[in-house]
C-alpha atoms as a PDB file:
ATOM      1  CA  MET A   1       0.000   0.000   0.000  1.00  0.00           C
ATOM      2  CA  ARG A   2       2.766   2.351   0.896  1.00  0.00           C
ATOM      3  CA  ALA A   3       4.670   1.377  -2.233  1.00  0.00           C
ATOM      4  CA  ALA A   4       1.624   2.135  -4.321  1.00  0.00           C
ATOM      5  CA  GLN A   5       1.277   5.475  -2.594  1.00  0.00           C
ATOM      6  CA  VAL A   6       4.945   6.291  -3.229  1.00  0.00           C
ATOM      7  CA  VAL A   7       4.610   5.416  -6.905  1.00  0.00           C
ATOM      8  CA  ALA A   8       1.490   7.507  -7.176  1.00  0.00           C
ATOM      9  CA  GLY A   9       3.258  10.349  -5.412  1.00  0.00           C
ATOM     10  CA  ARG A  10       6.150  10.218  -7.824  1.00  0.00           C
ATOM     11  CA  GLY A  11       3.703  10.228 -10.730  1.00  0.00           C
ATOM     12  CA  GLY A  12       2.043  13.310  -9.295  1.00  0.00           C
ATOM     13  CA  ILE A  13       5.441  14.997  -8.976  1.00  0.00           C
ATOM     14  CA  ALA A  14       6.295  14.053 -12.550  1.00  0.00           C
ATOM     15  CA  ARG A  15       2.982  15.406 -13.801  1.00  0.00           C
ATOM     16  CA  GLY A  16       3.526  18.584 -11.800  1.00  0.00           C
ATOM     17  CA  ARG A  17       6.961  19.048 -13.318  1.00  0.00           C
ATOM     18  CA  PHE A  18       5.532  18.420 -16.799  1.00  0.00           C
ATOM     19  CA  ARG A  19       2.820  21.044 -16.228  1.00  0.00           C
ATOM     20  CA  ALA A  20       5.384  23.527 -14.908  1.00  0.00           C
ATOM     21  CA  THR A  21       7.669  22.926 -17.878  1.00  0.00           C
ATOM     22  CA  THR A  22       4.752  23.266 -20.325  1.00  0.00           C
ATOM     23  CA  LEU A  23       3.660  26.512 -18.646  1.00  0.00           C
ATOM     24  CA  ALA A  24       7.198  27.889 -18.871  1.00  0.00           C
ATOM     25  CA  VAL A  25       7.358  27.071 -22.584  1.00  0.00           C
ATOM     26  CA  LEU A  26       3.989  28.741 -23.165  1.00  0.00           C
ATOM     27  CA  VAL A  27       5.104  31.846 -21.266  1.00  0.00           C
ATOM     28  CA  ILE A  28       8.256  32.049 -23.384  1.00  0.00           C
ATOM     29  CA  ALA A  29       6.225  31.540 -26.590  1.00  0.00           C
ATOM     30  CA  VAL A  30       3.692  34.228 -25.660  1.00  0.00           C
ATOM     31  CA  THR A  31       6.463  36.615 -24.641  1.00  0.00           C
ATOM     32  CA  THR A  32       8.211  36.040 -27.981  1.00  0.00           C
ATOM     33  CA  LEU A  33       4.947  36.663 -29.853  1.00  0.00           C
ATOM     34  CA  LEU A  34       4.321  39.890 -27.972  1.00  0.00           C
ATOM     35  CA  ALA A  35       7.853  41.061 -28.696  1.00  0.00           C
ATOM     36  CA  ALA A  36       7.279  40.404 -32.397  1.00  0.00           C
ATOM     37  CA  CYS A  37       4.045  42.410 -32.284  1.00  0.00           C
ATOM     38  CA  GLU A  38       5.791  45.317 -30.584  1.00  0.00           C
ATOM     39  CA  THR A  39       8.446  45.541 -33.290  1.00  0.00           C
ATOM     40  CA  GLN A  40       5.643  45.978 -35.835  1.00  0.00           C
ATOM     41  CA  SER A  41       3.736  48.563 -33.861  1.00  0.00           C
ATOM     42  CA  ASP A  42       3.858  52.305 -34.462  1.00  0.00           C
ATOM     43  CA  TYR A  43       7.005  53.963 -33.182  1.00  0.00           C
ATOM     44  CA  ASN A  44       6.346  56.911 -30.917  1.00  0.00           C
ATOM     45  CA  PRO A  45       9.264  59.359 -31.258  1.00  0.00           C
ATOM     46  CA  VAL A  46       7.891  61.639 -28.540  1.00  0.00           C
ATOM     47  CA  ALA A  47       7.934  58.827 -25.960  1.00  0.00           C
ATOM     48  CA  GLN A  48      11.432  57.740 -26.978  1.00  0.00           C
ATOM     49  CA  THR A  49      13.246  61.053 -27.372  1.00  0.00           C
ATOM     50  CA  GLY A  50      11.017  63.638 -25.718  1.00  0.00           C
ATOM     51  CA  ALA A  51      10.692  65.562 -29.017  1.00  0.00           C
ATOM     52  CA  PRO A  52       8.635  64.874 -32.153  1.00  0.00           C
ATOM     53  CA  ALA A  53      10.526  63.531 -35.150  1.00  0.00           C
ATOM     54  CA  GLU A  54      10.424  65.437 -38.424  1.00  0.00           C
ATOM     55  CA  VAL A  55       7.805  63.916 -40.720  1.00  0.00           C
ATOM     56  CA  PRO A  56       8.005  64.843 -44.414  1.00  0.00           C
ATOM     57  CA  PRO A  57       4.828  66.228 -45.947  1.00  0.00           C
ATOM     58  CA  PRO A  58       2.720  63.401 -47.376  1.00  0.00           C
ATOM     59  CA  LEU A  59       2.949  62.718 -51.118  1.00  0.00           C
ATOM     60  CA  ASP A  60       5.918  65.071 -51.656  1.00  0.00           C
ATOM     61  CA  LEU A  61       8.950  63.844 -53.554  1.00  0.00           C
ATOM     62  CA  SER A  62      12.146  64.732 -51.711  1.00  0.00           C
ATOM     63  CA  SER A  63      15.024  66.528 -53.415  1.00  0.00           C
ATOM     64  CA  SER A  64      16.910  63.225 -53.549  1.00  0.00           C
ATOM     65  CA  GLU A  65      13.970  61.607 -55.351  1.00  0.00           C
ATOM     66  CA  PHE A  66      13.332  64.521 -57.702  1.00  0.00           C
ATOM     67  CA  ALA A  67      16.173  66.719 -58.974  1.00  0.00           C
ATOM     68  CA  ALA A  68      14.367  69.882 -60.032  1.00  0.00           C
ATOM     69  CA  ASP A  69      16.293  72.415 -62.112  1.00  0.00           C
ATOM     70  CA  LEU A  70      13.471  74.929 -62.462  1.00  0.00           C
ATOM     71  CA  VAL A  71      10.915  76.368 -60.047  1.00  0.00           C
ATOM     72  CA  THR A  72       7.932  78.288 -61.405  1.00  0.00           C
ATOM     73  CA  PRO A  73       6.790  81.557 -59.800  1.00  0.00           C
ATOM     74  CA  THR A  74       3.988  79.704 -57.961  1.00  0.00           C
ATOM     75  CA  GLY A  75       6.483  77.187 -56.550  1.00  0.00           C
ATOM     76  CA  ILE A  76       5.995  74.153 -58.809  1.00  0.00           C
ATOM     77  CA  ARG A  77       9.236  72.171 -59.065  1.00  0.00           C
ATOM     78  CA  VAL A  78      10.194  71.149 -62.599  1.00  0.00           C
ATOM     79  CA  LYS A  79      12.799  68.747 -63.952  1.00  0.00           C
ATOM     80  CA  THR A  80      13.354  69.808 -67.559  1.00  0.00           C
ATOM     81  CA  ASN A  81      15.975  67.214 -68.539  1.00  0.00           C
ATOM     82  CA  GLY A  82      17.750  70.050 -70.355  1.00  0.00           C
ATOM     83  CA  GLN A  83      15.110  70.344 -73.057  1.00  0.00           C
ATOM     84  CA  TYR A  84      14.560  74.095 -72.952  1.00  0.00           C
ATOM     85  CA  LYS A  85      17.815  75.360 -74.390  1.00  0.00           C
ATOM     86  CA  THR A  86      17.554  79.091 -73.734  1.00  0.00           C
ATOM     87  CA  GLU A  87      16.678  81.136 -70.686  1.00  0.00           C
ATOM     88  CA  ALA A  88      13.755  82.618 -72.609  1.00  0.00           C
ATOM     89  CA  SER A  89      12.293  79.179 -73.396  1.00  0.00           C
ATOM     90  CA  ARG A  90      12.751  78.087 -69.761  1.00  0.00           C
ATOM     91  CA  LYS A  91      10.906  81.192 -68.613  1.00  0.00           C
ATOM     92  CA  ASP A  92       8.109  80.593 -71.128  1.00  0.00           C
ATOM     93  CA  ALA A  93       7.771  76.967 -69.990  1.00  0.00           C
ATOM     94  CA  ALA A  94       7.530  78.075 -66.352  1.00  0.00           C
ATOM     95  CA  ILE A  95       4.865  80.627 -67.261  1.00  0.00           C
ATOM     96  CA  ALA A  96       2.914  78.015 -69.256  1.00  0.00           C
ATOM     97  CA  ILE A  97       2.993  75.540 -66.344  1.00  0.00           C
ATOM     98  CA  ASP A  98       1.755  78.238 -63.977  1.00  0.00           C
ATOM     99  CA  ARG A  99      -0.996  79.166 -66.431  1.00  0.00           C
ATOM    100  CA  TYR A 100      -2.152  75.550 -66.320  1.00  0.00           C
ATOM    101  CA  TRP A 101      -2.243  75.783 -62.551  1.00  0.00           C
ATOM    102  CA  GLY A 102      -4.180  79.047 -62.817  1.00  0.00           C
ATOM    103  CA  GLU A 103      -6.860  77.298 -64.888  1.00  0.00           C
ATOM    104  CA  VAL A 104      -7.004  74.345 -62.491  1.00  0.00           C
ATOM    105  CA  ARG A 105      -7.125  76.612 -59.435  1.00  0.00           C
ATOM    106  CA  ALA A 106      -9.909  78.761 -60.879  1.00  0.00           C
ATOM    107  CA  CYS A 107     -12.004  75.668 -61.556  1.00  0.00           C
ATOM    108  CA  ALA A 108     -11.314  74.126 -58.141  1.00  0.00           C
ATOM    109  CA  VAL A 109     -12.143  77.337 -56.283  1.00  0.00           C
ATOM    110  CA  GLY A 110     -15.390  77.587 -58.232  1.00  0.00           C
ATOM    111  CA  VAL A 111     -16.347  73.998 -57.402  1.00  0.00           C
ATOM    112  CA  GLU A 112     -15.407  73.861 -53.722  1.00  0.00           C
ATOM    113  CA  PRO A 113     -17.508  75.882 -51.228  1.00  0.00           C
ATOM    114  CA  SER A 114     -15.731  79.068 -50.154  1.00  0.00           C
ATOM    115  CA  SER A 115     -16.865  78.382 -46.592  1.00  0.00           C
ATOM    116  CA  ASP A 116     -14.594  75.322 -46.473  1.00  0.00           C
ATOM    117  CA  THR A 117     -11.471  77.153 -45.385  1.00  0.00           C
ATOM    118  CA  ASP A 118      -9.590  73.896 -44.835  1.00  0.00           C
ATOM    119  CA  VAL A 119      -9.920  72.898 -48.491  1.00  0.00           C
ATOM    120  CA  SER A 120      -9.381  76.472 -49.691  1.00  0.00           C
ATOM    121  CA  GLY A 121      -6.074  76.661 -47.838  1.00  0.00           C
ATOM    122  CA  LEU A 122      -4.945  73.320 -49.248  1.00  0.00           C
ATOM    123  CA  ILE A 123      -5.730  74.474 -52.799  1.00  0.00           C
ATOM    124  CA  GLU A 124      -3.478  77.505 -52.372  1.00  0.00           C
ATOM    125  CA  GLU A 125      -0.709  75.355 -50.867  1.00  0.00           C
ATOM    126  CA  PHE A 126      -0.794  72.663 -53.571  1.00  0.00           C
ATOM    127  CA  PRO A 127       1.671  74.115 -56.154  1.00  0.00           C
ATOM    128  CA  ARG A 128       4.529  74.094 -53.660  1.00  0.00           C
ATOM    129  CA  HIS A 129       4.194  70.307 -53.347  1.00  0.00           C
ATOM    130  CA  LEU A 130       3.821  69.379 -57.018  1.00  0.00           C
ATOM    131  CA  ALA A 131       6.688  67.929 -59.085  1.00  0.00           C
ATOM    132  CA  VAL A 132       6.568  68.018 -62.897  1.00  0.00           C
ATOM    133  CA  GLU A 133       9.078  66.220 -65.097  1.00  0.00           C
ATOM    134  CA  ILE A 134       9.460  66.977 -68.789  1.00  0.00           C
ATOM    135  CA  ALA A 135       9.817  63.568 -70.437  1.00  0.00           C
ATOM    136  CA  ASN A 136      12.950  63.015 -72.510  1.00  0.00           C
ATOM    137  CA  ASN A 137      11.904  59.692 -74.071  1.00  0.00           C
ATOM    138  CA  TRP A 138       9.270  61.236 -76.339  1.00  0.00           C
ATOM    139  CA  LYS A 139       9.102  61.219 -80.110  1.00  0.00           C
ATOM    140  CA  MET A 140       6.764  62.535 -82.775  1.00  0.00           C
ATOM    141  CA  VAL A 141       3.850  60.157 -83.376  1.00  0.00           C
ATOM    142  CA  GLU A 142       0.642  60.408 -85.358  1.00  0.00           C
ATOM    143  CA  GLY A 143      -2.435  61.164 -83.307  1.00  0.00           C
ATOM    144  CA  PRO A 144      -4.993  58.323 -83.557  1.00  0.00           C
ATOM    145  CA  THR A 145      -7.943  60.714 -83.998  1.00  0.00           C
ATOM    146  CA  THR A 146      -6.616  63.803 -85.729  1.00  0.00           C
ATOM    147  CA  HIS A 147      -3.747  62.011 -87.514  1.00  0.00           C
ATOM    148  CA  ARG A 148      -1.595  65.049 -86.798  1.00  0.00           C
ATOM    149  CA  ARG A 149       1.926  64.577 -85.561  1.00  0.00           C
ATOM    150  CA  MET A 150       2.418  65.217 -81.876  1.00  0.00           C
ATOM    151  CA  GLN A 151       4.875  64.689 -79.042  1.00  0.00           C
ATOM    152  CA  ALA A 152       4.252  61.516 -77.002  1.00  0.00           C
ATOM    153  CA  PHE A 153       6.137  58.935 -74.933  1.00  0.00           C
ATOM    154  CA  PRO A 154       5.554  55.195 -74.433  1.00  0.00           C
ATOM    155  CA  SER A 155       2.632  54.379 -72.166  1.00  0.00           C
ATOM    156  CA  THR A 156       3.353  52.217 -69.125  1.00  0.00           C
ATOM    157  CA  ALA A 157      -0.336  51.507 -68.485  1.00  0.00           C
ATOM    158  CA  HIS A 158      -0.996  50.327 -72.041  1.00  0.00           C
ATOM    159  CA  PRO A 159       2.164  48.891 -73.625  1.00  0.00           C
ATOM    160  CA  GLY A 160       2.354  49.670 -77.314  1.00  0.00           C
ATOM    161  CA  SER A 161       0.384  52.919 -77.018  1.00  0.00           C
ATOM    162  CA  TRP A 162       1.586  56.479 -76.409  1.00  0.00           C
ATOM    163  CA  SER A 163       0.883  59.207 -73.850  1.00  0.00           C
ATOM    164  CA  THR A 164       1.334  62.952 -73.655  1.00  0.00           C
ATOM    165  CA  ALA A 165       1.131  63.063 -69.843  1.00  0.00           C
ATOM    166  CA  ARG A 166       1.143  60.625 -66.948  1.00  0.00           C
ATOM    167  CA  ARG A 167       0.655  61.073 -63.209  1.00  0.00           C
ATOM    168  CA  SER A 168       1.545  59.096 -60.114  1.00  0.00           C
ATOM    169  CA  GLU A 169      -1.159  57.821 -57.770  1.00  0.00           C
ATOM    170  CA  ASP A 170       1.290  57.589 -54.865  1.00  0.00           C
ATOM    171  CA  ALA A 171       2.967  60.991 -55.117  1.00  0.00           C
ATOM    172  CA  LEU A 172       2.365  64.497 -56.437  1.00  0.00           C
ATOM    173  CA  TYR A 173       4.329  63.777 -59.598  1.00  0.00           C
ATOM    174  CA  ILE A 174       3.474  64.328 -63.268  1.00  0.00           C
ATOM    175  CA  VAL A 175       5.463  63.408 -66.377  1.00  0.00           C
ATOM    176  CA  VAL A 176       4.552  65.420 -69.466  1.00  0.00           C
ATOM    177  CA  VAL A 177       5.886  66.061 -72.982  1.00  0.00           C
ATOM    178  CA  PRO A 178       7.866  69.302 -73.611  1.00  0.00           C
ATOM    179  CA  GLU A 179       4.866  71.005 -75.203  1.00  0.00           C
ATOM    180  CA  LEU A 180       2.965  70.297 -71.920  1.00  0.00           C
ATOM    181  CA  ASN A 181      -0.084  68.928 -73.725  1.00  0.00           C
ATOM    182  CA  GLY A 182      -2.219  66.968 -71.230  1.00  0.00           C
ATOM    183  CA  LEU A 183      -0.776  68.666 -68.153  1.00  0.00           C
ATOM    184  CA  GLY A 184      -4.086  70.270 -67.113  1.00  0.00           C
ATOM    185  CA  PRO A 185      -6.205  67.137 -66.545  1.00  0.00           C
ATOM    186  CA  GLN A 186      -3.340  65.372 -64.782  1.00  0.00           C
ATOM    187  CA  MET A 187      -2.866  68.387 -62.522  1.00  0.00           C
ATOM    188  CA  VAL A 188      -6.565  68.211 -61.605  1.00  0.00           C
ATOM    189  CA  ASN A 189      -6.153  64.573 -60.581  1.00  0.00           C
ATOM    190  CA  GLU A 190      -3.096  65.342 -58.448  1.00  0.00           C
ATOM    191  CA  LEU A 191      -4.887  68.248 -56.762  1.00  0.00           C
ATOM    192  CA  ASN A 192      -7.782  65.900 -55.986  1.00  0.00           C
ATOM    193  CA  LEU A 193      -5.319  63.376 -54.505  1.00  0.00           C
ATOM    194  CA  TRP A 194      -3.760  66.140 -52.371  1.00  0.00           C
ATOM    195  CA  LEU A 195      -7.142  67.234 -51.023  1.00  0.00           C
ATOM    196  CA  MET A 196      -8.356  63.706 -50.302  1.00  0.00           C
ATOM    197  CA  LYS A 197      -5.172  62.901 -48.367  1.00  0.00           C
ATOM    198  CA  ASN A 198      -4.913  66.110 -46.361  1.00  0.00           C
ATOM    199  CA  ALA A 199      -8.351  67.664 -45.836  1.00  0.00           C
ATOM    200  CA  ASN A 200      -9.819  67.209 -42.361  1.00  0.00           C
ATOM    201  CA  VAL A 201     -13.114  66.443 -44.076  1.00  0.00           C
ATOM    202  CA  PRO A 202     -12.734  65.116 -47.644  1.00  0.00           C
ATOM    203  CA  PRO A 203     -14.345  67.461 -50.179  1.00  0.00           C
ATOM    204  CA  THR A 204     -17.748  66.393 -51.428  1.00  0.00           C
ATOM    205  CA  ALA A 205     -17.469  68.063 -54.842  1.00  0.00           C
ATOM    206  CA  ASP A 206     -16.415  65.870 -57.773  1.00  0.00           C
ATOM    207  CA  LEU A 207     -13.361  67.907 -58.690  1.00  0.00           C
ATOM    208  CA  VAL A 208     -12.077  65.478 -61.331  1.00  0.00           C
ATOM    209  CA  SER A 209     -15.311  65.488 -63.324  1.00  0.00           C
ATOM    210  CA  ALA A 210     -15.960  69.204 -62.915  1.00  0.00           C
ATOM    211  CA  CYS A 211     -12.470  70.264 -64.003  1.00  0.00           C
ATOM    212  CA  ALA A 212     -11.624  67.582 -66.552  1.00  0.00           C
ATOM    213  CA  SER A 213     -11.779  69.902 -69.567  1.00  0.00           C
ATOM    214  CA  ILE A 214      -8.823  72.142 -68.782  1.00  0.00           C
ATOM    215  CA  ALA A 215      -7.778  73.708 -72.084  1.00  0.00           C
ATOM    216  CA  CYS A 216      -4.170  73.379 -73.231  1.00  0.00           C
ATOM    217  CA  VAL A 217      -2.037  76.495 -72.952  1.00  0.00           C
ATOM    218  CA  ARG A 218       0.014  77.933 -75.794  1.00  0.00           C
ATOM    219  CA  PHE A 219       3.625  78.873 -75.147  1.00  0.00           C
ATOM    220  CA  ASN A 220       4.786  82.407 -75.889  1.00  0.00           C
ATOM    221  CA  TYR A 221       6.758  80.977 -78.804  1.00  0.00           C
ATOM    222  CA  ASP A 222       5.906  78.514 -81.573  1.00  0.00           C
ATOM    223  CA  ASN A 223       7.067  75.130 -80.280  1.00  0.00           C
ATOM    224  CA  ALA A 224       5.959  73.297 -83.434  1.00  0.00           C
ATOM    225  CA  PRO A 225       5.917  70.609 -84.680  1.00  0.00           C
ATOM    226  CA  SER A 226       3.077  70.120 -82.270  1.00  0.00           C
ATOM    227  CA  GLN A 227      -0.519  69.062 -82.512  1.00  0.00           C
ATOM    228  CA  ALA A 228      -1.322  71.020 -79.402  1.00  0.00           C
ATOM    229  CA  TRP A 229       0.282  74.385 -80.127  1.00  0.00           C
ATOM    230  CA  SER A 230      -2.048  75.416 -82.965  1.00  0.00           C
ATOM    231  CA  GLN A 231      -5.105  74.387 -80.948  1.00  0.00           C
ATOM    232  CA  CYS A 232      -4.170  75.801 -77.543  1.00  0.00           C
ATOM    233  CA  THR A 233      -5.446  79.014 -75.973  1.00  0.00           C
ATOM    234  CA  LYS A 234      -3.211  82.069 -75.966  1.00  0.00           C
END
């Protein structure tokens, strides 16, 4: 009887040790899992350093990402890829880009309620965040509708076709041909992206639809051969 009790006692001890060991393993496993979760959580620079870290404005391309060599009077950064050979042509290009923005701004201000000061302020701030690159991989192609020759570059969305302008959906960045044809509608889309990302209350107006028909702008000099130049507004 005593022997049986001793054996049973040892079994109880063994089971107790097994439970303790299992519990220890589970504790270690849970601790490891929690540590992994913490490394993926949001980092709080204020709690760590006592001062907020510098956060770049959303959607902006940094100077290391975008090497601008021209800034328009309204603050739009432009990478020309050396395609405007004289100071006069560079000035005219800057003026034309700002005229596009003037058309887009006028439409946006007319669409958005003036009482929405949050959106109004963001509209005025937008040009200083926009980056425009003048494509250098363009060539003269025949327009599919008008059959006139025009500047265009290979489309990335539709391989085999051609584009006059392209925008990024992840940054305030537009690529456009030297004649700037197509810049207006793409600028509208980037302004809409800027407002949707930064407004405290997203605008209710359909800016893209309302401002889709931004007319092309003629340079102060004849930049033919160009389909757009003869059709653009002065």
